[in-house]
Amino acid sequence: MTRPAFPDLKPVGLEDRAVFDEYLGARPFETCEMSFANIFIWKDSEHPRWTILNGSLCVLVEPDFEDPYFLPPVGGERVPETVAACLALAPRLSRVPEDFVARHGAGFKAEEDPGNFDYVYLRRDLAELKGKRYDGKRNRIRKFEAAFAHEYRALTRVDVSGCFRLLEDWFEEKANGDLYMRAERTAILQALASFERLDLRGAVVKVGGRVEAFTMGGLLAPDMAVIPIEIANPGLVGLAQWINREFVSREWADVAYVNREQDMNVEGLRKAKLSYQPARLVKKYNLTSA
């Protein structure tokens, strides 16, 4: 396919996956946004477009719920020159990892973006939940296992309709007119519609023959999975902890780390992510003209 050359930009489509895999496969990122699956499933609300400049893959994101930005350029030469050209079209680079700032940030203003720091866990910690620090998680799991007959299944097309129903119920309960929440719902629907073509792994938990939880994730780097989607019926105590543990244990034994994405400065989400004892946070920055 013909690749757009800067300043021409092409909307991201499934047909672009090979190009993204080429660039991101050569230099994997640990930041959750830097995967084709993530960029694609958010396309209806973030409107990503891409181009090639100085041999770098550059992605412009224009979300419905925040100011536009470029993701950090991937690959190529003369990267600071490429960053400057991107900043002529958008006010900032965002979701920029610390090592990119160290290599290419001279001459630009870099500001930490704590709400977008990713939480990274040791896979074995999430799969085993050993030790006193996980007592509360194990207690909730035992309550779920004792109270409900349940079935774990790898996600297939057969169970997607059940996932749709649960998703609608979940968002109806949380509906507040928030633009980001509506965008998140659309992204999850896109992931359910396209998971095979995006190489996403998923799982469902059925209780009484109904899908009451589902989750999806993909490879972010050779030794790291990213799990952006987990929906569980909040009325079934312990179900969220159970599917979290089982999905990591059953589907991701081939990785050392699991990225559970950011907390977006939401206090409840931050508390929940910290309760799983992250091994580290992946810092991200905004880069602007100095």
C-alpha atoms as a PDB file:
ATOM      1  CA  MET A   1       0.000   0.000   0.000  1.00  0.00           C
ATOM      2  CA  THR A   2       1.048   3.596  -0.545  1.00  0.00           C
ATOM      3  CA  ARG A   3       2.155   5.176   2.701  1.00  0.00           C
ATOM      4  CA  PRO A   4       1.144   8.786   3.352  1.00  0.00           C
ATOM      5  CA  ALA A   5       4.032  11.247   3.508  1.00  0.00           C
ATOM      6  CA  PHE A   6       3.993  14.172   5.922  1.00  0.00           C
ATOM      7  CA  PRO A   7       1.994  16.433   6.032  1.00  0.00           C
ATOM      8  CA  ASP A   8      -0.634  14.132   4.432  1.00  0.00           C
ATOM      9  CA  LEU A   9      -2.354  11.976   7.039  1.00  0.00           C
ATOM     10  CA  LYS A  10      -4.446   8.822   6.593  1.00  0.00           C
ATOM     11  CA  PRO A  11      -7.251   7.763   8.979  1.00  0.00           C
ATOM     12  CA  VAL A  12      -6.308   4.540  10.768  1.00  0.00           C
ATOM     13  CA  GLY A  13      -8.046   1.431   9.402  1.00  0.00           C
ATOM     14  CA  LEU A  14      -7.605  -2.324   9.742  1.00  0.00           C
ATOM     15  CA  GLU A  15      -5.696  -2.307   6.462  1.00  0.00           C
ATOM     16  CA  ASP A  16      -2.905  -0.351   8.213  1.00  0.00           C
ATOM     17  CA  ARG A  17      -2.089  -3.022  10.755  1.00  0.00           C
ATOM     18  CA  ALA A  18       0.923  -4.402   8.858  1.00  0.00           C
ATOM     19  CA  VAL A  19       2.565  -0.964   8.802  1.00  0.00           C
ATOM     20  CA  PHE A  20       2.032  -0.432  12.539  1.00  0.00           C
ATOM     21  CA  ASP A  21       3.252  -3.942  13.330  1.00  0.00           C
ATOM     22  CA  GLU A  22       6.382  -3.284  11.261  1.00  0.00           C
ATOM     23  CA  TYR A  23       7.286  -0.149  13.199  1.00  0.00           C
ATOM     24  CA  LEU A  24       6.129  -1.169  16.675  1.00  0.00           C
ATOM     25  CA  GLY A  25       7.519  -4.684  16.300  1.00  0.00           C
ATOM     26  CA  ALA A  26      10.980  -3.284  15.610  1.00  0.00           C
ATOM     27  CA  ARG A  27      10.855  -1.124  18.757  1.00  0.00           C
ATOM     28  CA  PRO A  28       8.131  -2.154  21.214  1.00  0.00           C
ATOM     29  CA  PHE A  29       6.902   0.395  23.761  1.00  0.00           C
ATOM     30  CA  GLU A  30       5.751  -0.304  27.315  1.00  0.00           C
ATOM     31  CA  THR A  31       3.134   2.463  27.154  1.00  0.00           C
ATOM     32  CA  CYS A  32      -0.365   1.093  26.636  1.00  0.00           C
ATOM     33  CA  GLU A  33      -1.303   3.507  23.844  1.00  0.00           C
ATOM     34  CA  MET A  34       1.488   2.268  21.555  1.00  0.00           C
ATOM     35  CA  SER A  35      -0.210  -0.739  20.037  1.00  0.00           C
ATOM     36  CA  PHE A  36      -2.248  -0.984  16.874  1.00  0.00           C
ATOM     37  CA  ALA A  37      -5.147  -2.617  18.722  1.00  0.00           C
ATOM     38  CA  ASN A  38      -5.402   0.279  21.186  1.00  0.00           C
ATOM     39  CA  ILE A  39      -5.221   2.919  18.474  1.00  0.00           C
ATOM     40  CA  PHE A  40      -7.792   1.108  16.330  1.00  0.00           C
ATOM     41  CA  ILE A  41     -10.451   0.383  18.954  1.00  0.00           C
ATOM     42  CA  TRP A  42     -10.513   4.059  20.012  1.00  0.00           C
ATOM     43  CA  LYS A  43     -10.693   5.362  16.432  1.00  0.00           C
ATOM     44  CA  ASP A  44     -14.352   6.467  16.522  1.00  0.00           C
ATOM     45  CA  SER A  45     -13.751   8.922  19.361  1.00  0.00           C
ATOM     46  CA  GLU A  46     -10.023   9.692  19.044  1.00  0.00           C
ATOM     47  CA  HIS A  47      -9.933   9.953  15.219  1.00  0.00           C
ATOM     48  CA  PRO A  48      -6.290   8.854  14.767  1.00  0.00           C
ATOM     49  CA  ARG A  49      -4.489   9.591  11.511  1.00  0.00           C
ATOM     50  CA  TRP A  50      -0.988   8.564  10.530  1.00  0.00           C
ATOM     51  CA  THR A  51       1.873   9.613   8.285  1.00  0.00           C
ATOM     52  CA  ILE A  52       5.556   8.916   7.652  1.00  0.00           C
ATOM     53  CA  LEU A  53       8.199  11.600   8.236  1.00  0.00           C
ATOM     54  CA  ASN A  54      11.982  11.051   8.188  1.00  0.00           C
ATOM     55  CA  GLY A  55      11.278   7.327   8.295  1.00  0.00           C
ATOM     56  CA  SER A  56       9.190   7.684  11.477  1.00  0.00           C
ATOM     57  CA  LEU A  57       5.615   6.549  11.958  1.00  0.00           C
ATOM     58  CA  CYS A  58       3.716   9.572  13.336  1.00  0.00           C
ATOM     59  CA  VAL A  59       0.159   9.313  14.666  1.00  0.00           C
ATOM     60  CA  LEU A  60      -2.036  12.380  15.216  1.00  0.00           C
ATOM     61  CA  VAL A  61      -4.870  11.849  17.725  1.00  0.00           C
ATOM     62  CA  GLU A  62      -7.798  14.290  17.910  1.00  0.00           C
ATOM     63  CA  PRO A  63     -10.048  13.030  20.737  1.00  0.00           C
ATOM     64  CA  ASP A  64     -13.578  14.190  21.409  1.00  0.00           C
ATOM     65  CA  PHE A  65     -12.699  14.636  25.092  1.00  0.00           C
ATOM     66  CA  GLU A  66      -9.269  16.345  25.182  1.00  0.00           C
ATOM     67  CA  ASP A  67      -6.945  18.536  23.112  1.00  0.00           C
ATOM     68  CA  PRO A  68      -5.242  16.982  20.050  1.00  0.00           C
ATOM     69  CA  TYR A  69      -1.762  15.492  20.257  1.00  0.00           C
ATOM     70  CA  PHE A  70       0.778  13.352  18.429  1.00  0.00           C
ATOM     71  CA  LEU A  71       1.954  10.083  19.900  1.00  0.00           C
ATOM     72  CA  PRO A  72       5.765   9.793  20.039  1.00  0.00           C
ATOM     73  CA  PRO A  73       7.226   9.097  16.582  1.00  0.00           C
ATOM     74  CA  VAL A  74       8.340   5.496  16.080  1.00  0.00           C
ATOM     75  CA  GLY A  75      11.570   4.603  14.283  1.00  0.00           C
ATOM     76  CA  GLY A  76      13.252   6.760  11.685  1.00  0.00           C
ATOM     77  CA  GLU A  77      16.026   9.330  11.797  1.00  0.00           C
ATOM     78  CA  ARG A  78      16.333  12.990  12.778  1.00  0.00           C
ATOM     79  CA  VAL A  79      13.744  12.431  15.511  1.00  0.00           C
ATOM     80  CA  PRO A  80      13.989  15.913  17.105  1.00  0.00           C
ATOM     81  CA  GLU A  81      13.303  17.395  13.672  1.00  0.00           C
ATOM     82  CA  THR A  82      10.301  15.113  13.343  1.00  0.00           C
ATOM     83  CA  VAL A  83       9.035  16.112  16.798  1.00  0.00           C
ATOM     84  CA  ALA A  84       9.312  19.795  15.858  1.00  0.00           C
ATOM     85  CA  ALA A  85       7.317  19.183  12.655  1.00  0.00           C
ATOM     86  CA  CYS A  86       4.606  17.388  14.636  1.00  0.00           C
ATOM     87  CA  LEU A  87       4.427  20.290  17.082  1.00  0.00           C
ATOM     88  CA  ALA A  88       3.780  22.610  14.168  1.00  0.00           C
ATOM     89  CA  LEU A  89       0.526  20.695  13.536  1.00  0.00           C
ATOM     90  CA  ALA A  90      -0.562  19.882  17.104  1.00  0.00           C
ATOM     91  CA  PRO A  91       0.070  21.627  20.437  1.00  0.00           C
ATOM     92  CA  ARG A  92       1.845  18.678  22.073  1.00  0.00           C
ATOM     93  CA  LEU A  93       3.196  15.176  21.964  1.00  0.00           C
ATOM     94  CA  SER A  94       1.479  13.074  24.625  1.00  0.00           C
ATOM     95  CA  ARG A  95       1.864   9.596  26.171  1.00  0.00           C
ATOM     96  CA  VAL A  96       5.623  10.046  25.699  1.00  0.00           C
ATOM     97  CA  PRO A  97       7.703   7.524  27.683  1.00  0.00           C
ATOM     98  CA  GLU A  98      10.630   8.539  29.859  1.00  0.00           C
ATOM     99  CA  ASP A  99      13.299   6.957  27.653  1.00  0.00           C
ATOM    100  CA  PHE A 100      12.032   8.879  24.596  1.00  0.00           C
ATOM    101  CA  VAL A 101      12.312  12.144  26.553  1.00  0.00           C
ATOM    102  CA  ALA A 102      15.860  11.223  27.617  1.00  0.00           C
ATOM    103  CA  ARG A 103      16.931  10.494  24.037  1.00  0.00           C
ATOM    104  CA  HIS A 104      15.083  13.166  22.091  1.00  0.00           C
ATOM    105  CA  GLY A 105      13.658  15.731  24.516  1.00  0.00           C
ATOM    106  CA  ALA A 106      16.481  18.274  24.496  1.00  0.00           C
ATOM    107  CA  GLY A 107      15.143  21.606  23.251  1.00  0.00           C
ATOM    108  CA  PHE A 108      11.532  20.779  24.170  1.00  0.00           C
ATOM    109  CA  LYS A 109       9.542  21.290  27.355  1.00  0.00           C
ATOM    110  CA  ALA A 110       8.686  18.009  29.094  1.00  0.00           C
ATOM    111  CA  GLU A 111       6.011  17.773  31.786  1.00  0.00           C
ATOM    112  CA  GLU A 112       5.004  14.640  33.676  1.00  0.00           C
ATOM    113  CA  ASP A 113       1.451  13.401  33.063  1.00  0.00           C
ATOM    114  CA  PRO A 114       0.720  11.327  36.207  1.00  0.00           C
ATOM    115  CA  GLY A 115      -2.888  10.536  35.300  1.00  0.00           C
ATOM    116  CA  ASN A 116      -1.594   8.595  32.304  1.00  0.00           C
ATOM    117  CA  PHE A 117       1.171   6.655  34.085  1.00  0.00           C
ATOM    118  CA  ASP A 118       0.683   2.932  33.420  1.00  0.00           C
ATOM    119  CA  TYR A 119       0.527   0.370  36.228  1.00  0.00           C
ATOM    120  CA  VAL A 120       2.767  -2.627  35.503  1.00  0.00           C
ATOM    121  CA  TYR A 121       2.567  -5.820  37.562  1.00  0.00           C
ATOM    122  CA  LEU A 122       4.507  -9.040  37.765  1.00  0.00           C
ATOM    123  CA  ARG A 123       2.290 -11.621  36.084  1.00  0.00           C
ATOM    124  CA  ARG A 124       2.986 -14.191  38.782  1.00  0.00           C
ATOM    125  CA  ASP A 125       1.790 -11.769  41.491  1.00  0.00           C
ATOM    126  CA  LEU A 126      -1.581 -11.337  39.759  1.00  0.00           C
ATOM    127  CA  ALA A 127      -1.878 -15.050  39.015  1.00  0.00           C
ATOM    128  CA  GLU A 128      -0.918 -16.335  42.479  1.00  0.00           C
ATOM    129  CA  LEU A 129      -2.066 -13.537  44.845  1.00  0.00           C
ATOM    130  CA  LYS A 130       0.329 -14.825  47.493  1.00  0.00           C
ATOM    131  CA  GLY A 131       0.994 -13.187  50.834  1.00  0.00           C
ATOM    132  CA  LYS A 132      -0.761 -11.009  53.366  1.00  0.00           C
ATOM    133  CA  ARG A 133      -0.981  -8.034  51.003  1.00  0.00           C
ATOM    134  CA  TYR A 134      -3.504  -9.978  48.888  1.00  0.00           C
ATOM    135  CA  ASP A 135      -5.642 -11.299  51.771  1.00  0.00           C
ATOM    136  CA  GLY A 136      -8.611  -9.130  50.755  1.00  0.00           C
ATOM    137  CA  LYS A 137      -8.492 -10.301  47.136  1.00  0.00           C
ATOM    138  CA  ARG A 138      -8.374 -13.969  48.115  1.00  0.00           C
ATOM    139  CA  ASN A 139     -11.256 -13.522  50.565  1.00  0.00           C
ATOM    140  CA  ARG A 140     -13.465 -12.008  47.883  1.00  0.00           C
ATOM    141  CA  ILE A 141     -12.534 -14.771  45.440  1.00  0.00           C
ATOM    142  CA  ARG A 142     -13.468 -17.437  47.998  1.00  0.00           C
ATOM    143  CA  LYS A 143     -16.846 -15.755  48.539  1.00  0.00           C
ATOM    144  CA  PHE A 144     -17.521 -15.771  44.805  1.00  0.00           C
ATOM    145  CA  GLU A 145     -16.469 -19.396  44.386  1.00  0.00           C
ATOM    146  CA  ALA A 146     -18.640 -20.486  47.324  1.00  0.00           C
ATOM    147  CA  ALA A 147     -21.723 -18.512  46.295  1.00  0.00           C
ATOM    148  CA  PHE A 148     -21.955 -19.005  42.527  1.00  0.00           C
ATOM    149  CA  ALA A 149     -21.627 -21.918  40.136  1.00  0.00           C
ATOM    150  CA  HIS A 150     -19.479 -20.449  37.395  1.00  0.00           C
ATOM    151  CA  GLU A 151     -17.812 -21.318  34.111  1.00  0.00           C
ATOM    152  CA  TYR A 152     -14.667 -19.786  32.572  1.00  0.00           C
ATOM    153  CA  ARG A 153     -14.391 -19.790  28.775  1.00  0.00           C
ATOM    154  CA  ALA A 154     -11.928 -18.295  26.327  1.00  0.00           C
ATOM    155  CA  LEU A 155     -13.746 -15.605  24.344  1.00  0.00           C
ATOM    156  CA  THR A 156     -15.204 -16.775  21.034  1.00  0.00           C
ATOM    157  CA  ARG A 157     -17.702 -15.224  18.665  1.00  0.00           C
ATOM    158  CA  VAL A 158     -20.470 -17.321  20.282  1.00  0.00           C
ATOM    159  CA  ASP A 159     -20.294 -15.317  23.520  1.00  0.00           C
ATOM    160  CA  VAL A 160     -20.030 -11.818  22.025  1.00  0.00           C
ATOM    161  CA  SER A 161     -23.777 -11.174  22.206  1.00  0.00           C
ATOM    162  CA  GLY A 162     -23.684 -11.950  25.926  1.00  0.00           C
ATOM    163  CA  CYS A 163     -20.790  -9.515  26.318  1.00  0.00           C
ATOM    164  CA  PHE A 164     -22.820  -6.841  24.507  1.00  0.00           C
ATOM    165  CA  ARG A 165     -25.715  -7.339  26.940  1.00  0.00           C
ATOM    166  CA  LEU A 166     -23.457  -7.102  30.008  1.00  0.00           C
ATOM    167  CA  LEU A 167     -21.730  -4.024  28.583  1.00  0.00           C
ATOM    168  CA  GLU A 168     -25.028  -2.226  28.065  1.00  0.00           C
ATOM    169  CA  ASP A 169     -26.160  -3.063  31.600  1.00  0.00           C
ATOM    170  CA  TRP A 170     -22.812  -1.946  33.045  1.00  0.00           C
ATOM    171  CA  PHE A 171     -22.775   1.403  31.262  1.00  0.00           C
ATOM    172  CA  GLU A 172     -26.463   2.058  31.920  1.00  0.00           C
ATOM    173  CA  GLU A 173     -25.690   1.841  35.621  1.00  0.00           C
ATOM    174  CA  LYS A 174     -22.719   4.202  35.276  1.00  0.00           C
ATOM    175  CA  ALA A 175     -24.197   6.557  32.649  1.00  0.00           C
ATOM    176  CA  ASN A 176     -23.581  10.201  33.433  1.00  0.00           C
ATOM    177  CA  GLY A 177     -23.284  11.861  30.023  1.00  0.00           C
ATOM    178  CA  ASP A 178     -19.486  11.913  30.303  1.00  0.00           C
ATOM    179  CA  LEU A 179     -17.791  12.075  26.888  1.00  0.00           C
ATOM    180  CA  TYR A 180     -14.988   9.768  27.976  1.00  0.00           C
ATOM    181  CA  MET A 181     -17.395   7.134  29.296  1.00  0.00           C
ATOM    182  CA  ARG A 182     -19.286   7.138  25.996  1.00  0.00           C
ATOM    183  CA  ALA A 183     -15.994   6.843  24.125  1.00  0.00           C
ATOM    184  CA  GLU A 184     -14.911   3.939  26.332  1.00  0.00           C
ATOM    185  CA  ARG A 185     -18.148   2.094  25.591  1.00  0.00           C
ATOM    186  CA  THR A 186     -17.619   2.572  21.844  1.00  0.00           C
ATOM    187  CA  ALA A 187     -14.017   1.348  22.116  1.00  0.00           C
ATOM    188  CA  ILE A 188     -15.092  -1.838  23.919  1.00  0.00           C
ATOM    189  CA  LEU A 189     -17.774  -2.484  21.297  1.00  0.00           C
ATOM    190  CA  GLN A 190     -15.114  -2.107  18.591  1.00  0.00           C
ATOM    191  CA  ALA A 191     -12.813  -4.518  20.428  1.00  0.00           C
ATOM    192  CA  LEU A 192     -15.599  -7.110  20.668  1.00  0.00           C
ATOM    193  CA  ALA A 193     -16.363  -6.694  16.971  1.00  0.00           C
ATOM    194  CA  SER A 194     -12.726  -7.014  15.872  1.00  0.00           C
ATOM    195  CA  PHE A 195     -10.848  -9.053  18.492  1.00  0.00           C
ATOM    196  CA  GLU A 196      -9.802 -11.877  16.155  1.00  0.00           C
ATOM    197  CA  ARG A 197      -8.347  -9.486  13.561  1.00  0.00           C
ATOM    198  CA  LEU A 198      -6.508  -7.576  16.292  1.00  0.00           C
ATOM    199  CA  ASP A 199      -5.022 -10.706  17.919  1.00  0.00           C
ATOM    200  CA  LEU A 200      -6.699  -9.896  21.216  1.00  0.00           C
ATOM    201  CA  ARG A 201      -7.191 -12.725  23.702  1.00  0.00           C
ATOM    202  CA  GLY A 202     -10.336 -12.685  25.779  1.00  0.00           C
ATOM    203  CA  ALA A 203     -12.305 -14.598  28.368  1.00  0.00           C
ATOM    204  CA  VAL A 204     -15.836 -14.705  29.715  1.00  0.00           C
ATOM    205  CA  VAL A 205     -17.276 -15.940  32.992  1.00  0.00           C
ATOM    206  CA  LYS A 206     -20.788 -17.385  32.899  1.00  0.00           C
ATOM    207  CA  VAL A 207     -23.023 -17.644  35.947  1.00  0.00           C
ATOM    208  CA  GLY A 208     -26.372 -19.346  35.478  1.00  0.00           C
ATOM    209  CA  GLY A 209     -25.695 -19.567  31.738  1.00  0.00           C
ATOM    210  CA  ARG A 210     -25.275 -15.770  31.368  1.00  0.00           C
ATOM    211  CA  VAL A 211     -22.091 -13.829  30.665  1.00  0.00           C
ATOM    212  CA  GLU A 212     -21.460 -11.913  33.884  1.00  0.00           C
ATOM    213  CA  ALA A 213     -17.851 -10.858  33.205  1.00  0.00           C
ATOM    214  CA  PHE A 214     -15.509 -10.530  30.264  1.00  0.00           C
ATOM    215  CA  THR A 215     -11.995  -9.274  29.673  1.00  0.00           C
ATOM    216  CA  MET A 216      -9.586  -8.757  26.770  1.00  0.00           C
ATOM    217  CA  GLY A 217      -5.892  -8.080  26.297  1.00  0.00           C
ATOM    218  CA  GLY A 218      -3.023  -8.310  23.869  1.00  0.00           C
ATOM    219  CA  LEU A 219       0.757  -8.390  23.626  1.00  0.00           C
ATOM    220  CA  LEU A 220       2.390  -4.992  24.103  1.00  0.00           C
ATOM    221  CA  ALA A 221       6.002  -6.229  24.069  1.00  0.00           C
ATOM    222  CA  PRO A 222       7.505  -9.730  23.923  1.00  0.00           C
ATOM    223  CA  ASP A 223       7.452 -10.038  27.731  1.00  0.00           C
ATOM    224  CA  MET A 224       4.450  -7.803  28.517  1.00  0.00           C
ATOM    225  CA  ALA A 225       0.701  -8.116  28.036  1.00  0.00           C
ATOM    226  CA  VAL A 226      -1.684  -5.177  28.262  1.00  0.00           C
ATOM    227  CA  ILE A 227      -5.215  -5.699  29.577  1.00  0.00           C
ATOM    228  CA  PRO A 228      -7.363  -2.676  28.698  1.00  0.00           C
ATOM    229  CA  ILE A 229     -10.828  -4.211  29.143  1.00  0.00           C
ATOM    230  CA  GLU A 230     -12.437  -5.869  32.155  1.00  0.00           C
ATOM    231  CA  ILE A 231     -16.187  -5.701  32.754  1.00  0.00           C
ATOM    232  CA  ALA A 232     -17.818  -7.604  35.624  1.00  0.00           C
ATOM    233  CA  ASN A 233     -21.278  -7.558  37.171  1.00  0.00           C
ATOM    234  CA  PRO A 234     -20.677  -5.555  40.368  1.00  0.00           C
ATOM    235  CA  GLY A 235     -23.515  -7.394  42.104  1.00  0.00           C
ATOM    236  CA  LEU A 236     -21.511 -10.643  42.166  1.00  0.00           C
ATOM    237  CA  VAL A 237     -19.009 -10.083  44.970  1.00  0.00           C
ATOM    238  CA  GLY A 238     -15.532 -11.355  44.089  1.00  0.00           C
ATOM    239  CA  LEU A 239     -16.206 -11.866  40.380  1.00  0.00           C
ATOM    240  CA  ALA A 240     -13.936  -9.012  39.267  1.00  0.00           C
ATOM    241  CA  GLN A 241     -11.050 -10.381  41.351  1.00  0.00           C
ATOM    242  CA  TRP A 242     -11.720 -13.930  40.105  1.00  0.00           C
ATOM    243  CA  ILE A 243     -11.644 -13.105  36.385  1.00  0.00           C
ATOM    244  CA  ASN A 244      -8.604 -10.870  36.891  1.00  0.00           C
ATOM    245  CA  ARG A 245      -6.676 -13.752  38.445  1.00  0.00           C
ATOM    246  CA  GLU A 246      -7.899 -16.471  36.104  1.00  0.00           C
ATOM    247  CA  PHE A 247      -7.342 -14.540  32.873  1.00  0.00           C
ATOM    248  CA  VAL A 248      -3.754 -13.750  33.767  1.00  0.00           C
ATOM    249  CA  SER A 249      -3.119 -17.281  34.985  1.00  0.00           C
ATOM    250  CA  ARG A 250      -4.709 -19.135  32.063  1.00  0.00           C
ATOM    251  CA  GLU A 251      -4.022 -16.904  29.047  1.00  0.00           C
ATOM    252  CA  TRP A 252      -0.775 -15.043  29.825  1.00  0.00           C
ATOM    253  CA  ALA A 253       1.647 -17.618  31.206  1.00  0.00           C
ATOM    254  CA  ASP A 254       4.035 -16.649  28.389  1.00  0.00           C
ATOM    255  CA  VAL A 255       4.779 -13.121  29.701  1.00  0.00           C
ATOM    256  CA  ALA A 256       6.564 -11.735  32.756  1.00  0.00           C
ATOM    257  CA  TYR A 257       4.625  -8.478  33.108  1.00  0.00           C
ATOM    258  CA  VAL A 258       1.071  -7.213  32.800  1.00  0.00           C
ATOM    259  CA  ASN A 259       0.252  -3.572  32.016  1.00  0.00           C
ATOM    260  CA  ARG A 260      -3.126  -2.587  33.480  1.00  0.00           C
ATOM    261  CA  GLU A 261      -3.093   0.918  31.996  1.00  0.00           C
ATOM    262  CA  GLN A 262      -3.628   4.239  33.783  1.00  0.00           C
ATOM    263  CA  ASP A 263      -5.874   5.670  36.502  1.00  0.00           C
ATOM    264  CA  MET A 264      -6.760   8.947  34.680  1.00  0.00           C
ATOM    265  CA  ASN A 265      -6.567  10.790  38.021  1.00  0.00           C
ATOM    266  CA  VAL A 266      -9.715   8.957  39.207  1.00  0.00           C
ATOM    267  CA  GLU A 267      -9.232   8.333  42.929  1.00  0.00           C
ATOM    268  CA  GLY A 268     -11.250   5.106  43.054  1.00  0.00           C
ATOM    269  CA  LEU A 269      -9.417   3.689  40.057  1.00  0.00           C
ATOM    270  CA  ARG A 270      -6.050   4.671  41.535  1.00  0.00           C
ATOM    271  CA  LYS A 271      -6.905   2.934  44.802  1.00  0.00           C
ATOM    272  CA  ALA A 272      -7.988  -0.224  42.975  1.00  0.00           C
ATOM    273  CA  LYS A 273      -4.835  -0.364  40.850  1.00  0.00           C
ATOM    274  CA  LEU A 274      -2.551   0.266  43.823  1.00  0.00           C
ATOM    275  CA  SER A 275      -4.296  -2.510  45.772  1.00  0.00           C
ATOM    276  CA  TYR A 276      -2.833  -5.032  43.313  1.00  0.00           C
ATOM    277  CA  GLN A 277       0.707  -3.919  44.270  1.00  0.00           C
ATOM    278  CA  PRO A 278       2.275  -2.750  40.977  1.00  0.00           C
ATOM    279  CA  ALA A 279       5.905  -3.631  40.353  1.00  0.00           C
ATOM    280  CA  ARG A 280       6.424  -0.209  38.796  1.00  0.00           C
ATOM    281  CA  LEU A 281       4.747   2.718  37.084  1.00  0.00           C
ATOM    282  CA  VAL A 282       5.565   3.593  33.477  1.00  0.00           C
ATOM    283  CA  LYS A 283       5.955   7.356  33.489  1.00  0.00           C
ATOM    284  CA  LYS A 284       4.635   9.420  30.585  1.00  0.00           C
ATOM    285  CA  TYR A 285       5.154  13.006  29.579  1.00  0.00           C
ATOM    286  CA  ASN A 286       3.751  15.769  27.434  1.00  0.00           C
ATOM    287  CA  LEU A 287       6.274  17.409  25.111  1.00  0.00           C
ATOM    288  CA  THR A 288       5.707  20.953  23.900  1.00  0.00           C
ATOM    289  CA  SER A 289       7.800  23.612  22.209  1.00  0.00           C
ATOM    290  CA  ALA A 290      10.202  25.237  24.660  1.00  0.00           C
END
